[in-house]
N, C-alpha and C. Protein backbone atom coordinates (compact mmCIF):
# COMPACT_ATOMS: atom_id res chain seq x y z
N UNK A 1 -4.07 5.82 81.76
CA UNK A 1 -3.28 5.85 80.56
C UNK A 1 -4.01 5.21 79.39
N UNK A 2 -3.32 5.13 78.29
CA UNK A 2 -3.94 4.55 77.10
C UNK A 2 -3.96 3.03 77.15
N UNK A 3 -2.89 2.42 77.66
CA UNK A 3 -2.76 0.97 77.75
C UNK A 3 -2.08 0.62 79.06
N UNK A 4 -2.33 -0.58 79.51
CA UNK A 4 -1.60 -1.11 80.67
C UNK A 4 -1.43 -2.60 80.46
N UNK A 5 -0.20 -3.07 80.69
CA UNK A 5 0.05 -4.50 80.56
C UNK A 5 -0.70 -5.25 81.66
N UNK A 6 -0.91 -6.53 81.43
CA UNK A 6 -1.56 -7.34 82.46
C UNK A 6 -0.71 -7.38 83.73
N UNK A 7 0.61 -7.38 83.57
CA UNK A 7 1.48 -7.36 84.74
C UNK A 7 1.24 -6.09 85.56
N UNK A 8 1.16 -4.96 84.89
CA UNK A 8 0.92 -3.69 85.60
C UNK A 8 -0.46 -3.68 86.24
N UNK A 9 -1.45 -4.16 85.52
CA UNK A 9 -2.81 -4.20 86.07
C UNK A 9 -2.88 -5.11 87.29
N UNK A 10 -2.19 -6.25 87.24
CA UNK A 10 -2.19 -7.15 88.39
C UNK A 10 -1.47 -6.52 89.57
N UNK A 11 -0.37 -5.80 89.32
CA UNK A 11 0.34 -5.11 90.40
C UNK A 11 -0.58 -4.06 91.04
N UNK A 12 -1.23 -3.26 90.21
CA UNK A 12 -2.13 -2.23 90.74
C UNK A 12 -3.30 -2.85 91.49
N UNK A 13 -3.86 -3.91 90.94
CA UNK A 13 -4.97 -4.59 91.62
C UNK A 13 -4.53 -5.08 92.99
N UNK A 14 -3.36 -5.68 93.05
CA UNK A 14 -2.85 -6.18 94.32
C UNK A 14 -2.58 -5.05 95.30
N UNK A 15 -2.02 -3.96 94.81
CA UNK A 15 -1.72 -2.82 95.67
C UNK A 15 -3.00 -2.19 96.22
N UNK A 16 -4.03 -2.16 95.42
CA UNK A 16 -5.27 -1.50 95.83
C UNK A 16 -6.13 -2.36 96.75
N UNK A 17 -5.77 -3.63 96.92
CA UNK A 17 -6.56 -4.54 97.75
C UNK A 17 -6.59 -4.15 99.22
N UNK A 18 -5.49 -3.60 99.72
CA UNK A 18 -5.44 -3.29 101.15
C UNK A 18 -4.49 -2.13 101.41
N UNK A 19 -4.67 -1.51 102.56
CA UNK A 19 -3.79 -0.42 102.97
C UNK A 19 -2.36 -0.93 103.14
N UNK A 20 -2.22 -2.13 103.68
CA UNK A 20 -0.89 -2.72 103.88
C UNK A 20 -0.16 -2.87 102.54
N UNK A 21 -0.87 -3.34 101.52
CA UNK A 21 -0.27 -3.49 100.19
C UNK A 21 0.12 -2.14 99.61
N UNK A 22 -0.76 -1.16 99.74
CA UNK A 22 -0.44 0.19 99.23
C UNK A 22 0.80 0.75 99.92
N UNK A 23 0.87 0.60 101.23
CA UNK A 23 2.01 1.12 101.98
C UNK A 23 3.31 0.44 101.56
N UNK A 24 3.25 -0.86 101.33
CA UNK A 24 4.46 -1.59 100.89
C UNK A 24 4.92 -1.09 99.53
N UNK A 25 3.98 -0.90 98.61
CA UNK A 25 4.35 -0.42 97.28
C UNK A 25 4.90 1.01 97.36
N UNK A 26 4.35 1.83 98.21
CA UNK A 26 4.85 3.19 98.39
C UNK A 26 6.29 3.16 98.90
N UNK A 27 6.58 2.27 99.86
CA UNK A 27 7.96 2.15 100.37
C UNK A 27 8.91 1.70 99.26
N UNK A 28 8.45 0.82 98.39
CA UNK A 28 9.28 0.38 97.27
C UNK A 28 9.51 1.54 96.31
N UNK A 29 8.46 2.28 95.99
CA UNK A 29 8.58 3.43 95.09
C UNK A 29 9.58 4.44 95.64
N UNK A 30 9.54 4.67 96.95
CA UNK A 30 10.45 5.64 97.58
C UNK A 30 11.85 5.08 97.82
N UNK A 31 12.06 3.81 97.49
CA UNK A 31 13.38 3.21 97.66
C UNK A 31 13.67 2.79 99.09
N UNK A 32 12.66 2.74 99.93
CA UNK A 32 12.83 2.36 101.33
C UNK A 32 12.78 0.84 101.53
N UNK A 33 12.25 0.15 100.55
CA UNK A 33 12.12 -1.31 100.59
C UNK A 33 12.58 -1.84 99.24
N UNK A 34 13.24 -2.98 99.25
CA UNK A 34 13.77 -3.58 98.01
C UNK A 34 12.65 -4.05 97.10
N UNK A 35 12.90 -3.97 95.80
CA UNK A 35 11.92 -4.42 94.80
C UNK A 35 11.52 -5.87 95.02
N UNK A 36 12.45 -6.68 95.47
CA UNK A 36 12.18 -8.10 95.64
C UNK A 36 11.14 -8.38 96.73
N UNK A 37 10.88 -7.41 97.57
CA UNK A 37 9.89 -7.58 98.63
C UNK A 37 8.46 -7.65 98.10
N UNK A 38 8.25 -7.19 96.87
CA UNK A 38 6.89 -7.24 96.30
C UNK A 38 6.66 -8.63 95.73
N UNK A 39 5.59 -9.24 96.09
CA UNK A 39 5.22 -10.55 95.57
C UNK A 39 4.05 -10.36 94.61
N UNK A 40 4.34 -10.58 93.34
CA UNK A 40 3.28 -10.45 92.33
C UNK A 40 2.26 -11.56 92.53
N UNK A 41 1.01 -11.16 92.65
CA UNK A 41 -0.09 -12.11 92.78
C UNK A 41 -1.02 -11.93 91.60
N UNK A 42 -1.53 -13.04 91.14
CA UNK A 42 -2.50 -13.00 90.05
C UNK A 42 -3.81 -13.52 90.63
N UNK A 43 -4.79 -12.66 90.69
CA UNK A 43 -6.08 -13.01 91.27
C UNK A 43 -7.03 -13.45 90.14
N UNK A 44 -7.52 -14.69 90.19
CA UNK A 44 -8.41 -15.17 89.13
C UNK A 44 -9.64 -14.29 88.91
N UNK A 45 -10.20 -13.75 89.97
CA UNK A 45 -11.38 -12.89 89.82
C UNK A 45 -11.05 -11.64 89.01
N UNK A 46 -9.83 -11.14 89.17
CA UNK A 46 -9.43 -9.96 88.40
C UNK A 46 -9.36 -10.29 86.92
N UNK A 47 -8.80 -11.45 86.60
CA UNK A 47 -8.73 -11.87 85.20
C UNK A 47 -10.13 -12.01 84.60
N UNK A 48 -11.06 -12.52 85.37
CA UNK A 48 -12.45 -12.63 84.89
C UNK A 48 -13.04 -11.24 84.65
N UNK A 49 -12.70 -10.29 85.50
CA UNK A 49 -13.20 -8.92 85.31
C UNK A 49 -12.64 -8.30 84.03
N UNK A 50 -11.37 -8.56 83.75
CA UNK A 50 -10.78 -8.06 82.50
C UNK A 50 -11.51 -8.69 81.32
N UNK A 51 -11.77 -9.98 81.39
CA UNK A 51 -12.52 -10.64 80.32
C UNK A 51 -13.92 -10.04 80.18
N UNK A 52 -14.57 -9.77 81.29
CA UNK A 52 -15.89 -9.16 81.28
C UNK A 52 -15.85 -7.78 80.62
N UNK A 53 -14.85 -6.99 80.97
CA UNK A 53 -14.72 -5.65 80.38
C UNK A 53 -14.53 -5.74 78.87
N UNK A 54 -13.70 -6.70 78.44
CA UNK A 54 -13.46 -6.86 77.01
C UNK A 54 -14.73 -7.34 76.31
N UNK A 55 -15.40 -8.31 76.91
CA UNK A 55 -16.65 -8.81 76.33
C UNK A 55 -17.74 -7.75 76.26
N UNK A 56 -17.70 -6.82 77.20
CA UNK A 56 -18.69 -5.73 77.23
C UNK A 56 -18.26 -4.53 76.39
N UNK A 57 -17.15 -4.68 75.68
CA UNK A 57 -16.59 -3.65 74.82
C UNK A 57 -16.21 -2.37 75.58
N UNK A 58 -15.80 -2.57 76.84
CA UNK A 58 -15.27 -1.45 77.63
C UNK A 58 -13.76 -1.35 77.45
N UNK A 59 -13.16 -2.46 77.07
CA UNK A 59 -11.71 -2.49 76.85
C UNK A 59 -11.42 -3.42 75.68
N UNK A 60 -10.16 -3.33 75.22
CA UNK A 60 -9.72 -4.21 74.13
C UNK A 60 -8.28 -4.60 74.37
N UNK A 61 -7.92 -5.78 73.84
CA UNK A 61 -6.56 -6.27 73.97
C UNK A 61 -5.62 -5.50 73.06
N UNK A 62 -4.44 -5.21 73.58
CA UNK A 62 -3.41 -4.51 72.82
C UNK A 62 -2.05 -5.06 73.25
N UNK A 63 -1.01 -4.45 72.75
CA UNK A 63 0.36 -4.77 73.17
C UNK A 63 0.97 -3.50 73.74
N UNK A 64 1.59 -3.61 74.91
CA UNK A 64 2.29 -2.47 75.54
C UNK A 64 3.63 -2.98 76.06
N UNK A 65 4.69 -2.34 75.65
CA UNK A 65 6.04 -2.73 76.08
C UNK A 65 6.30 -4.22 75.84
N UNK A 66 5.79 -4.72 74.72
CA UNK A 66 6.02 -6.12 74.36
C UNK A 66 5.20 -7.12 75.14
N UNK A 67 4.23 -6.64 75.91
CA UNK A 67 3.40 -7.53 76.73
C UNK A 67 1.94 -7.38 76.33
N UNK A 68 1.17 -8.43 76.63
CA UNK A 68 -0.28 -8.33 76.46
C UNK A 68 -0.78 -7.20 77.34
N UNK A 69 -1.64 -6.36 76.78
CA UNK A 69 -2.11 -5.20 77.51
C UNK A 69 -3.60 -5.00 77.26
N UNK A 70 -4.18 -4.17 78.06
CA UNK A 70 -5.59 -3.81 77.93
C UNK A 70 -5.67 -2.30 77.80
N UNK A 71 -6.52 -1.85 76.89
CA UNK A 71 -6.76 -0.42 76.73
C UNK A 71 -8.26 -0.17 76.76
N UNK A 72 -8.65 0.93 77.30
CA UNK A 72 -10.08 1.27 77.35
C UNK A 72 -10.57 1.72 75.98
N UNK A 73 -11.76 1.31 75.64
CA UNK A 73 -12.43 1.81 74.45
C UNK A 73 -13.05 3.16 74.80
N UNK A 74 -13.64 3.82 73.83
CA UNK A 74 -14.33 5.09 74.12
C UNK A 74 -15.43 4.88 75.15
N UNK A 75 -16.16 3.78 75.03
CA UNK A 75 -17.21 3.45 76.00
C UNK A 75 -16.61 3.26 77.39
N UNK A 76 -15.48 2.56 77.46
CA UNK A 76 -14.80 2.34 78.74
C UNK A 76 -14.27 3.63 79.34
N UNK A 77 -13.74 4.51 78.48
CA UNK A 77 -13.24 5.81 78.96
C UNK A 77 -14.37 6.66 79.53
N UNK A 78 -15.53 6.59 78.91
CA UNK A 78 -16.70 7.35 79.40
C UNK A 78 -17.09 6.88 80.79
N UNK A 79 -17.13 5.57 80.99
CA UNK A 79 -17.48 5.03 82.31
C UNK A 79 -16.39 5.35 83.32
N UNK A 80 -15.13 5.22 82.92
CA UNK A 80 -14.02 5.54 83.82
C UNK A 80 -14.08 7.00 84.26
N UNK A 81 -14.40 7.88 83.33
CA UNK A 81 -14.51 9.30 83.67
C UNK A 81 -15.59 9.54 84.72
N UNK A 82 -16.71 8.84 84.58
CA UNK A 82 -17.80 8.99 85.57
C UNK A 82 -17.37 8.47 86.93
N UNK A 83 -16.62 7.37 86.95
CA UNK A 83 -16.12 6.84 88.21
C UNK A 83 -15.15 7.81 88.88
N UNK A 84 -14.28 8.40 88.09
CA UNK A 84 -13.31 9.36 88.62
C UNK A 84 -14.02 10.60 89.16
N UNK A 85 -15.04 11.04 88.47
CA UNK A 85 -15.75 12.26 88.87
C UNK A 85 -16.63 12.06 90.10
N UNK A 86 -17.03 10.83 90.39
CA UNK A 86 -17.88 10.56 91.55
C UNK A 86 -17.02 10.60 92.81
N UNK A 87 -17.23 11.62 93.64
CA UNK A 87 -16.38 11.83 94.82
C UNK A 87 -16.71 10.89 95.98
N UNK A 88 -17.76 10.10 95.85
CA UNK A 88 -18.19 9.24 96.95
C UNK A 88 -17.67 7.81 96.84
N UNK A 89 -17.10 7.44 95.71
CA UNK A 89 -16.66 6.05 95.54
C UNK A 89 -15.17 5.96 95.28
N UNK A 90 -14.59 4.86 95.71
CA UNK A 90 -13.16 4.57 95.48
C UNK A 90 -12.25 5.73 95.90
N UNK A 91 -12.58 6.37 96.99
CA UNK A 91 -11.85 7.56 97.43
C UNK A 91 -10.37 7.23 97.68
N UNK A 92 -10.11 6.20 98.46
CA UNK A 92 -8.73 5.82 98.80
C UNK A 92 -7.98 5.38 97.56
N UNK A 93 -8.63 4.57 96.75
CA UNK A 93 -7.99 4.04 95.54
C UNK A 93 -7.64 5.16 94.56
N UNK A 94 -8.56 6.09 94.37
CA UNK A 94 -8.31 7.20 93.44
C UNK A 94 -7.19 8.10 93.97
N UNK A 95 -7.14 8.31 95.28
CA UNK A 95 -6.08 9.14 95.85
C UNK A 95 -4.72 8.48 95.63
N UNK A 96 -4.64 7.16 95.85
CA UNK A 96 -3.39 6.44 95.64
C UNK A 96 -2.96 6.54 94.18
N UNK A 97 -3.88 6.26 93.27
CA UNK A 97 -3.55 6.29 91.85
C UNK A 97 -3.16 7.70 91.39
N UNK A 98 -3.84 8.70 91.92
CA UNK A 98 -3.53 10.07 91.56
C UNK A 98 -2.10 10.43 91.95
N UNK A 99 -1.70 9.98 93.11
CA UNK A 99 -0.37 10.33 93.61
C UNK A 99 0.75 9.47 93.00
N UNK A 100 0.48 8.18 92.76
CA UNK A 100 1.57 7.27 92.42
C UNK A 100 1.51 6.64 91.03
N UNK A 101 0.44 6.84 90.29
CA UNK A 101 0.34 6.15 88.99
C UNK A 101 1.47 6.56 88.04
N UNK A 102 1.93 7.78 88.12
CA UNK A 102 3.02 8.23 87.26
C UNK A 102 4.34 7.54 87.55
N UNK A 103 4.48 7.00 88.76
CA UNK A 103 5.71 6.31 89.14
C UNK A 103 5.63 4.82 88.87
N UNK A 104 4.42 4.31 88.68
CA UNK A 104 4.24 2.88 88.42
C UNK A 104 4.15 2.69 86.91
N UNK A 105 5.29 2.81 86.29
CA UNK A 105 5.40 2.70 84.84
C UNK A 105 5.61 1.24 84.44
N UNK A 106 5.54 0.98 83.14
CA UNK A 106 5.84 -0.37 82.66
C UNK A 106 7.29 -0.74 83.00
N UNK A 107 8.19 0.25 82.97
CA UNK A 107 9.58 0.00 83.36
C UNK A 107 9.70 -0.40 84.82
N UNK A 108 8.96 0.27 85.68
CA UNK A 108 8.95 -0.07 87.11
C UNK A 108 8.43 -1.49 87.31
N UNK A 109 7.36 -1.83 86.59
CA UNK A 109 6.79 -3.19 86.68
C UNK A 109 7.83 -4.21 86.22
N UNK A 110 8.55 -3.90 85.14
CA UNK A 110 9.60 -4.80 84.66
C UNK A 110 10.67 -5.00 85.71
N UNK A 111 11.05 -3.93 86.41
CA UNK A 111 12.07 -4.05 87.47
C UNK A 111 11.59 -4.98 88.58
N UNK A 112 10.33 -4.87 88.96
CA UNK A 112 9.78 -5.74 90.00
C UNK A 112 9.76 -7.19 89.52
N UNK A 113 9.33 -7.39 88.27
CA UNK A 113 9.30 -8.76 87.73
C UNK A 113 10.70 -9.36 87.69
N UNK A 114 11.68 -8.58 87.25
CA UNK A 114 13.06 -9.07 87.19
C UNK A 114 13.63 -9.34 88.57
N UNK A 115 13.33 -8.48 89.54
CA UNK A 115 13.83 -8.67 90.90
C UNK A 115 13.29 -9.97 91.49
N UNK A 116 12.04 -10.29 91.17
CA UNK A 116 11.44 -11.51 91.71
C UNK A 116 11.88 -12.75 90.95
N UNK A 117 12.45 -12.56 89.77
CA UNK A 117 12.93 -13.67 88.95
C UNK A 117 14.36 -14.04 89.30
N UNK A 118 15.10 -13.08 89.85
CA UNK A 118 16.52 -13.29 90.13
C UNK A 118 16.71 -14.39 91.19
N UNK A 119 17.77 -15.21 91.02
CA UNK A 119 18.04 -16.24 92.02
C UNK A 119 18.44 -15.60 93.34
N UNK A 120 18.00 -16.20 94.44
CA UNK A 120 18.29 -15.66 95.77
C UNK A 120 19.64 -16.10 96.26
């Protein structure tokens, strides 16, 4: 997409870390598991990568849905396109994103954040 909030990027990063995480998010998307079952994790290395991308002018800070967001620059889009076109890398990750990225909207991320904020 054009922009993604840090919350959405952290959710996607966490989901893409393992098959178990992807399967859990898929169950949540399909309504088979409650939103509250997702535990948002913030990985420091991921934040450093976002900073690196911004410093390298591959991305820039923006606002999306009232949240801090990151958007790819033209340079970043060019590199992303090459990564997508390379059939030998990130095969599992690209398949997951291709199938489910349309369902992981900023609204969906907000629902997960709210579910985890609610008192038990």
